[in-house]
Amino acid sequence: MSKSVRNKALICAVLALAVLVADQWLKIWIKTTFPIGGGVDLIGDWCKLYFVENEGMAFGMAFGGDIGKLILSLFRIVASVAIAFFIVKQIKRDSRYTLLISMSLILAGALGNVIDCCFYGLVFDESTHFQVATMFPDGATYGRFLHGKVVDMFYFPICEWTWPLWMPVVGGNHAEFFNAIFNVADAAVCSGVALLIIDQLFFTPSKKETPTEPISEENSSSQS
């Protein structure tokens, strides 16, 4: 194994582990510190830690109830294994740093939410609007394997407004930008995908055309 390959393997492992540790540490702290809907302002009233849980996909999107939750959890596990094998393969090929870093971020993000789905229902009791969850409680936990809830906390309501009453459909409704609530794992996946797009657009070597040998005057005369 060359030094370059070893360095890339180390960077990928350290990056993925750092993101995963940060994601889980923050989720556990949030869940054992705040009730549902609790949190703290970080910068004014537009940058907050705001504790919510979701049963579905990233940014709080739902997916098909209990069966959908199981399918999504299994899909995340399969996808994480596939991404890990892809990264190992690309490291052995001594691929570009941008490709490896992007895939490592995606893997770390996927694993972060996989841990929530697989194990949080087994190690925490229920979080409610009035009760802070306990890790490894004396009583019953809130869920079962593969049915845990994903913890989200980053909330950036940058601006909000009410649509004028004269507007059709949305008139009088409250609107907000940006109202999605997400976690470190979601941010890692989005950053990894963005970097992957940049890598494919700007760093992927283009296929070079096979150069053709010029026909010498001697060959040209002999052919004629």
C-alpha atoms as a PDB file:
ATOM      1  CA  MET A   1       0.000   0.000   0.000  1.00  0.00           C
ATOM      2  CA  SER A   2       1.478   3.338  -1.069  1.00  0.00           C
ATOM      3  CA  LYS A   3       1.861   6.310   1.248  1.00  0.00           C
ATOM      4  CA  SER A   4      -0.750   8.250  -0.727  1.00  0.00           C
ATOM      5  CA  VAL A   5      -3.316   5.483  -0.303  1.00  0.00           C
ATOM      6  CA  ARG A   6      -2.600   5.246   3.445  1.00  0.00           C
ATOM      7  CA  ASN A   7      -2.975   9.008   3.868  1.00  0.00           C
ATOM      8  CA  LYS A   8      -6.292   9.033   2.015  1.00  0.00           C
ATOM      9  CA  ALA A   9      -7.594   6.110   4.053  1.00  0.00           C
ATOM     10  CA  LEU A  10      -6.635   7.910   7.282  1.00  0.00           C
ATOM     11  CA  ILE A  11      -8.238  11.193   6.206  1.00  0.00           C
ATOM     12  CA  CYS A  12     -11.482   9.460   5.214  1.00  0.00           C
ATOM     13  CA  ALA A  13     -11.636   7.533   8.488  1.00  0.00           C
ATOM     14  CA  VAL A  14     -10.865  10.565  10.683  1.00  0.00           C
ATOM     15  CA  LEU A  15     -13.338  12.793   8.831  1.00  0.00           C
ATOM     16  CA  ALA A  16     -16.175  10.266   8.977  1.00  0.00           C
ATOM     17  CA  LEU A  17     -15.508   9.504  12.657  1.00  0.00           C
ATOM     18  CA  ALA A  18     -15.331  13.207  13.596  1.00  0.00           C
ATOM     19  CA  VAL A  19     -18.662  13.958  11.904  1.00  0.00           C
ATOM     20  CA  LEU A  20     -20.279  10.880  13.459  1.00  0.00           C
ATOM     21  CA  VAL A  21     -19.055  11.712  16.973  1.00  0.00           C
ATOM     22  CA  ALA A  22     -20.164  15.361  16.669  1.00  0.00           C
ATOM     23  CA  ASP A  23     -23.568  14.278  15.359  1.00  0.00           C
ATOM     24  CA  GLN A  24     -24.211  11.749  18.125  1.00  0.00           C
ATOM     25  CA  TRP A  25     -22.828  13.910  20.926  1.00  0.00           C
ATOM     26  CA  LEU A  26     -25.085  16.808  19.980  1.00  0.00           C
ATOM     27  CA  LYS A  27     -28.147  14.578  19.544  1.00  0.00           C
ATOM     28  CA  ILE A  28     -27.678  12.924  22.932  1.00  0.00           C
ATOM     29  CA  TRP A  29     -27.091  16.291  24.625  1.00  0.00           C
ATOM     30  CA  ILE A  30     -30.180  17.813  23.010  1.00  0.00           C
ATOM     31  CA  LYS A  31     -32.384  14.822  23.830  1.00  0.00           C
ATOM     32  CA  THR A  32     -31.302  14.628  27.473  1.00  0.00           C
ATOM     33  CA  THR A  33     -31.432  18.412  28.014  1.00  0.00           C
ATOM     34  CA  PHE A  34     -34.613  19.690  26.349  1.00  0.00           C
ATOM     35  CA  PRO A  35     -38.221  18.541  26.000  1.00  0.00           C
ATOM     36  CA  ILE A  36     -39.774  18.444  22.536  1.00  0.00           C
ATOM     37  CA  GLY A  37     -39.978  22.024  21.294  1.00  0.00           C
ATOM     38  CA  GLY A  38     -37.311  23.198  23.736  1.00  0.00           C
ATOM     39  CA  GLY A  39     -34.057  24.817  22.760  1.00  0.00           C
ATOM     40  CA  VAL A  40     -31.953  27.920  22.867  1.00  0.00           C
ATOM     41  CA  ASP A  41     -31.303  30.927  20.596  1.00  0.00           C
ATOM     42  CA  LEU A  42     -27.787  30.966  19.159  1.00  0.00           C
ATOM     43  CA  ILE A  43     -27.839  34.188  17.106  1.00  0.00           C
ATOM     44  CA  GLY A  44     -30.841  36.433  17.606  1.00  0.00           C
ATOM     45  CA  ASP A  45     -34.138  34.746  16.834  1.00  0.00           C
ATOM     46  CA  TRP A  46     -33.142  33.386  13.410  1.00  0.00           C
ATOM     47  CA  CYS A  47     -30.453  30.856  14.400  1.00  0.00           C
ATOM     48  CA  LYS A  48     -31.607  28.360  17.022  1.00  0.00           C
ATOM     49  CA  LEU A  49     -31.198  24.963  18.559  1.00  0.00           C
ATOM     50  CA  TYR A  50     -34.770  23.673  18.571  1.00  0.00           C
ATOM     51  CA  PHE A  51     -35.412  20.041  19.533  1.00  0.00           C
ATOM     52  CA  VAL A  52     -37.760  18.013  17.370  1.00  0.00           C
ATOM     53  CA  GLU A  53     -37.921  14.339  16.410  1.00  0.00           C
ATOM     54  CA  ASN A  54     -39.006  12.857  13.118  1.00  0.00           C
ATOM     55  CA  GLU A  55     -39.909   9.342  12.062  1.00  0.00           C
ATOM     56  CA  GLY A  56     -38.965   9.732   8.441  1.00  0.00           C
ATOM     57  CA  MET A  57     -36.457  11.217   6.084  1.00  0.00           C
ATOM     58  CA  ALA A  58     -34.092  14.184   6.321  1.00  0.00           C
ATOM     59  CA  PHE A  59     -35.385  17.656   7.281  1.00  0.00           C
ATOM     60  CA  GLY A  60     -38.429  16.182   9.017  1.00  0.00           C
ATOM     61  CA  MET A  61     -40.103  14.660   5.954  1.00  0.00           C
ATOM     62  CA  ALA A  62     -42.335  11.682   6.731  1.00  0.00           C
ATOM     63  CA  PHE A  63     -42.288   8.359   4.935  1.00  0.00           C
ATOM     64  CA  GLY A  64     -45.170   5.901   5.056  1.00  0.00           C
ATOM     65  CA  GLY A  65     -45.853   5.333   8.745  1.00  0.00           C
ATOM     66  CA  ASP A  66     -44.555   2.302  10.653  1.00  0.00           C
ATOM     67  CA  ILE A  67     -43.865   0.134   7.595  1.00  0.00           C
ATOM     68  CA  GLY A  68     -42.323   3.063   5.784  1.00  0.00           C
ATOM     69  CA  LYS A  69     -40.080   3.692   8.797  1.00  0.00           C
ATOM     70  CA  LEU A  70     -38.850   0.090   8.717  1.00  0.00           C
ATOM     71  CA  ILE A  71     -38.203   0.223   4.969  1.00  0.00           C
ATOM     72  CA  LEU A  72     -36.353   3.524   5.320  1.00  0.00           C
ATOM     73  CA  SER A  73     -34.175   2.181   8.156  1.00  0.00           C
ATOM     74  CA  LEU A  74     -33.249  -0.920   6.145  1.00  0.00           C
ATOM     75  CA  PHE A  75     -32.548   1.214   3.077  1.00  0.00           C
ATOM     76  CA  ARG A  76     -30.230   3.455   5.120  1.00  0.00           C
ATOM     77  CA  ILE A  77     -28.290   0.430   6.357  1.00  0.00           C
ATOM     78  CA  VAL A  78     -27.904  -1.050   2.864  1.00  0.00           C
ATOM     79  CA  ALA A  79     -26.944   2.337   1.418  1.00  0.00           C
ATOM     80  CA  SER A  80     -24.345   2.897   4.158  1.00  0.00           C
ATOM     81  CA  VAL A  81     -22.726  -0.478   3.487  1.00  0.00           C
ATOM     82  CA  ALA A  82     -22.676   0.202  -0.268  1.00  0.00           C
ATOM     83  CA  ILE A  83     -21.116   3.652   0.246  1.00  0.00           C
ATOM     84  CA  ALA A  84     -18.476   2.185   2.585  1.00  0.00           C
ATOM     85  CA  PHE A  85     -17.492  -0.444  -0.003  1.00  0.00           C
ATOM     86  CA  PHE A  86     -17.353   2.252  -2.691  1.00  0.00           C
ATOM     87  CA  ILE A  87     -15.039   4.410  -0.564  1.00  0.00           C
ATOM     88  CA  VAL A  88     -12.704   1.475   0.118  1.00  0.00           C
ATOM     89  CA  LYS A  89     -12.592   0.698  -3.602  1.00  0.00           C
ATOM     90  CA  GLN A  90     -11.827   4.314  -4.496  1.00  0.00           C
ATOM     91  CA  ILE A  91      -9.110   4.539  -1.829  1.00  0.00           C
ATOM     92  CA  LYS A  92      -7.401   1.473  -3.310  1.00  0.00           C
ATOM     93  CA  ARG A  93      -7.567   3.192  -6.702  1.00  0.00           C
ATOM     94  CA  ASP A  94      -5.903   6.267  -5.177  1.00  0.00           C
ATOM     95  CA  SER A  95      -8.818   8.441  -6.313  1.00  0.00           C
ATOM     96  CA  ARG A  96      -9.112  12.203  -5.928  1.00  0.00           C
ATOM     97  CA  TYR A  97      -9.425  13.782  -2.475  1.00  0.00           C
ATOM     98  CA  THR A  98     -12.579  15.641  -3.485  1.00  0.00           C
ATOM     99  CA  LEU A  99     -14.345  12.393  -4.382  1.00  0.00           C
ATOM    100  CA  LEU A 100     -13.207  10.608  -1.227  1.00  0.00           C
ATOM    101  CA  ILE A 101     -14.055  13.498   1.098  1.00  0.00           C
ATOM    102  CA  SER A 102     -17.513  13.943  -0.421  1.00  0.00           C
ATOM    103  CA  MET A 103     -18.323  10.250  -0.074  1.00  0.00           C
ATOM    104  CA  SER A 104     -16.941  10.171   3.492  1.00  0.00           C
ATOM    105  CA  LEU A 105     -19.273  13.034   4.460  1.00  0.00           C
ATOM    106  CA  ILE A 106     -22.231  11.228   2.910  1.00  0.00           C
ATOM    107  CA  LEU A 107     -21.307   7.997   4.702  1.00  0.00           C
ATOM    108  CA  ALA A 108     -20.916   9.728   8.075  1.00  0.00           C
ATOM    109  CA  GLY A 109     -24.279  11.454   7.656  1.00  0.00           C
ATOM    110  CA  ALA A 110     -26.015   8.248   6.660  1.00  0.00           C
ATOM    111  CA  LEU A 111     -24.521   6.380   9.620  1.00  0.00           C
ATOM    112  CA  GLY A 112     -25.490   9.177  12.018  1.00  0.00           C
ATOM    113  CA  ASN A 113     -29.170   8.815  11.185  1.00  0.00           C
ATOM    114  CA  VAL A 114     -28.893   5.014  11.006  1.00  0.00           C
ATOM    115  CA  ILE A 115     -27.800   4.993  14.660  1.00  0.00           C
ATOM    116  CA  ASP A 116     -30.888   7.012  15.629  1.00  0.00           C
ATOM    117  CA  CYS A 117     -33.208   4.694  13.704  1.00  0.00           C
ATOM    118  CA  CYS A 118     -31.650   1.482  14.980  1.00  0.00           C
ATOM    119  CA  PHE A 119     -30.880   2.192  18.620  1.00  0.00           C
ATOM    120  CA  TYR A 120     -32.502   5.337  20.045  1.00  0.00           C
ATOM    121  CA  GLY A 121     -35.805   3.573  20.639  1.00  0.00           C
ATOM    122  CA  LEU A 122     -33.901   0.989  22.707  1.00  0.00           C
ATOM    123  CA  VAL A 123     -31.832   3.342  24.901  1.00  0.00           C
ATOM    124  CA  PHE A 124     -34.122   6.338  25.565  1.00  0.00           C
ATOM    125  CA  ASP A 125     -37.529   6.758  27.127  1.00  0.00           C
ATOM    126  CA  GLU A 126     -40.082   9.036  25.462  1.00  0.00           C
ATOM    127  CA  SER A 127     -39.408  12.716  24.870  1.00  0.00           C
ATOM    128  CA  THR A 128     -42.521  14.858  25.229  1.00  0.00           C
ATOM    129  CA  HIS A 129     -43.320  18.548  25.375  1.00  0.00           C
ATOM    130  CA  PHE A 130     -43.206  18.267  29.175  1.00  0.00           C
ATOM    131  CA  GLN A 131     -40.589  15.565  29.787  1.00  0.00           C
ATOM    132  CA  VAL A 132     -36.875  15.366  29.041  1.00  0.00           C
ATOM    133  CA  ALA A 133     -35.744  11.921  27.911  1.00  0.00           C
ATOM    134  CA  THR A 134     -33.458   9.720  29.993  1.00  0.00           C
ATOM    135  CA  MET A 135     -30.731   7.595  28.470  1.00  0.00           C
ATOM    136  CA  PHE A 136     -30.832   3.981  29.707  1.00  0.00           C
ATOM    137  CA  PRO A 137     -33.925   4.567  31.890  1.00  0.00           C
ATOM    138  CA  ASP A 138     -34.999   2.250  34.689  1.00  0.00           C
ATOM    139  CA  GLY A 139     -38.410   1.880  33.058  1.00  0.00           C
ATOM    140  CA  ALA A 140     -39.464   1.066  29.529  1.00  0.00           C
ATOM    141  CA  THR A 141     -37.831   2.640  26.480  1.00  0.00           C
ATOM    142  CA  TYR A 142     -39.965   4.261  23.797  1.00  0.00           C
ATOM    143  CA  GLY A 143     -39.412   2.010  20.787  1.00  0.00           C
ATOM    144  CA  ARG A 144     -37.870  -1.047  19.235  1.00  0.00           C
ATOM    145  CA  PHE A 145     -34.995  -1.911  16.946  1.00  0.00           C
ATOM    146  CA  LEU A 146     -35.106  -0.087  13.573  1.00  0.00           C
ATOM    147  CA  HIS A 147     -37.983   2.134  14.753  1.00  0.00           C
ATOM    148  CA  GLY A 148     -36.124   4.894  16.583  1.00  0.00           C
ATOM    149  CA  LYS A 149     -36.827   8.574  15.914  1.00  0.00           C
ATOM    150  CA  VAL A 150     -34.226  10.858  14.359  1.00  0.00           C
ATOM    151  CA  VAL A 151     -33.232  13.854  16.493  1.00  0.00           C
ATOM    152  CA  ASP A 152     -33.132  17.236  14.712  1.00  0.00           C
ATOM    153  CA  MET A 153     -32.115  20.566  16.200  1.00  0.00           C
ATOM    154  CA  PHE A 154     -30.743  23.208  13.775  1.00  0.00           C
ATOM    155  CA  TYR A 155     -33.424  25.774  12.942  1.00  0.00           C
ATOM    156  CA  PHE A 156     -32.826  28.892  10.847  1.00  0.00           C
ATOM    157  CA  PRO A 157     -36.077  30.891  10.472  1.00  0.00           C
ATOM    158  CA  ILE A 158     -34.207  33.607   8.576  1.00  0.00           C
ATOM    159  CA  CYS A 159     -37.338  35.561   7.752  1.00  0.00           C
ATOM    160  CA  GLU A 160     -41.085  35.150   8.094  1.00  0.00           C
ATOM    161  CA  TRP A 161     -44.136  36.930   6.777  1.00  0.00           C
ATOM    162  CA  THR A 162     -47.875  36.698   6.269  1.00  0.00           C
ATOM    163  CA  TRP A 163     -49.200  36.590   2.720  1.00  0.00           C
ATOM    164  CA  PRO A 164     -51.600  39.437   1.859  1.00  0.00           C
ATOM    165  CA  LEU A 165     -55.257  38.504   2.105  1.00  0.00           C
ATOM    166  CA  TRP A 166     -55.893  39.395  -1.553  1.00  0.00           C
ATOM    167  CA  MET A 167     -53.522  36.643  -2.790  1.00  0.00           C
ATOM    168  CA  PRO A 168     -55.280  33.452  -3.978  1.00  0.00           C
ATOM    169  CA  VAL A 169     -54.697  30.145  -2.124  1.00  0.00           C
ATOM    170  CA  VAL A 170     -52.010  31.442   0.277  1.00  0.00           C
ATOM    171  CA  GLY A 171     -53.670  34.696   1.311  1.00  0.00           C
ATOM    172  CA  GLY A 172     -53.504  35.216   5.081  1.00  0.00           C
ATOM    173  CA  ASN A 173     -51.195  32.234   5.624  1.00  0.00           C
ATOM    174  CA  HIS A 174     -48.014  32.518   7.639  1.00  0.00           C
ATOM    175  CA  ALA A 175     -44.805  31.718   5.717  1.00  0.00           C
ATOM    176  CA  GLU A 176     -41.239  31.204   6.817  1.00  0.00           C
ATOM    177  CA  PHE A 177     -37.803  30.864   5.219  1.00  0.00           C
ATOM    178  CA  PHE A 178     -35.933  28.606   6.082  1.00  0.00           C
ATOM    179  CA  ASN A 179     -38.297  26.380   8.110  1.00  0.00           C
ATOM    180  CA  ALA A 180     -36.595  22.976   7.772  1.00  0.00           C
ATOM    181  CA  ILE A 181     -35.052  21.598  10.984  1.00  0.00           C
ATOM    182  CA  PHE A 182     -32.034  19.341  10.542  1.00  0.00           C
ATOM    183  CA  ASN A 183     -29.035  17.791  12.285  1.00  0.00           C
ATOM    184  CA  VAL A 184     -25.279  17.377  11.773  1.00  0.00           C
ATOM    185  CA  ALA A 185     -25.821  14.171   9.786  1.00  0.00           C
ATOM    186  CA  ASP A 186     -28.212  15.904   7.363  1.00  0.00           C
ATOM    187  CA  ALA A 187     -25.745  18.767   6.927  1.00  0.00           C
ATOM    188  CA  ALA A 188     -22.916  16.288   6.238  1.00  0.00           C
ATOM    189  CA  VAL A 189     -24.947  14.492   3.562  1.00  0.00           C
ATOM    190  CA  CYS A 190     -25.909  17.768   1.858  1.00  0.00           C
ATOM    191  CA  SER A 191     -22.313  19.034   1.990  1.00  0.00           C
ATOM    192  CA  GLY A 192     -21.052  15.724   0.626  1.00  0.00           C
ATOM    193  CA  VAL A 193     -23.538  15.771  -2.254  1.00  0.00           C
ATOM    194  CA  ALA A 194     -22.626  19.387  -3.092  1.00  0.00           C
ATOM    195  CA  LEU A 195     -18.913  18.544  -3.080  1.00  0.00           C
ATOM    196  CA  LEU A 196     -19.576  15.437  -5.177  1.00  0.00           C
ATOM    197  CA  ILE A 197     -21.355  17.547  -7.807  1.00  0.00           C
ATOM    198  CA  ILE A 198     -18.429  19.979  -7.849  1.00  0.00           C
ATOM    199  CA  ASP A 199     -16.015  17.067  -8.173  1.00  0.00           C
ATOM    200  CA  GLN A 200     -17.905  15.583 -11.105  1.00  0.00           C
ATOM    201  CA  LEU A 201     -18.246  18.950 -12.866  1.00  0.00           C
ATOM    202  CA  PHE A 202     -14.765  20.338 -12.394  1.00  0.00           C
ATOM    203  CA  PHE A 203     -12.328  17.613 -11.325  1.00  0.00           C
ATOM    204  CA  THR A 204     -13.336  14.516 -13.296  1.00  0.00           C
ATOM    205  CA  PRO A 205     -10.779  13.967 -16.059  1.00  0.00           C
ATOM    206  CA  SER A 206     -12.322  14.258 -19.500  1.00  0.00           C
ATOM    207  CA  LYS A 207     -11.843  11.419 -21.955  1.00  0.00           C
ATOM    208  CA  LYS A 208      -8.997  12.310 -24.256  1.00  0.00           C
ATOM    209  CA  GLU A 209      -9.261  11.505 -27.897  1.00  0.00           C
ATOM    210  CA  THR A 210      -6.690   9.036 -29.160  1.00  0.00           C
ATOM    211  CA  PRO A 211      -4.142  11.054 -31.124  1.00  0.00           C
ATOM    212  CA  THR A 212      -3.783  10.088 -34.732  1.00  0.00           C
ATOM    213  CA  GLU A 213      -0.330   9.814 -36.243  1.00  0.00           C
ATOM    214  CA  PRO A 214       0.262  12.238 -39.088  1.00  0.00           C
ATOM    215  CA  ILE A 215       0.813  10.564 -42.452  1.00  0.00           C
ATOM    216  CA  SER A 216       4.337  11.162 -43.605  1.00  0.00           C
ATOM    217  CA  GLU A 217       5.072  12.346 -47.120  1.00  0.00           C
ATOM    218  CA  GLU A 218       6.862   9.045 -47.849  1.00  0.00           C
ATOM    219  CA  ASN A 219       3.853   6.953 -46.826  1.00  0.00           C
ATOM    220  CA  SER A 220       1.530   9.282 -48.714  1.00  0.00           C
ATOM    221  CA  SER A 221       3.548   8.922 -51.922  1.00  0.00           C
ATOM    222  CA  SER A 222       3.788   5.131 -51.554  1.00  0.00           C
ATOM    223  CA  GLN A 223       0.009   4.877 -51.084  1.00  0.00           C
ATOM    224  CA  SER A 224      -0.577   6.977 -54.164  1.00  0.00           C
END
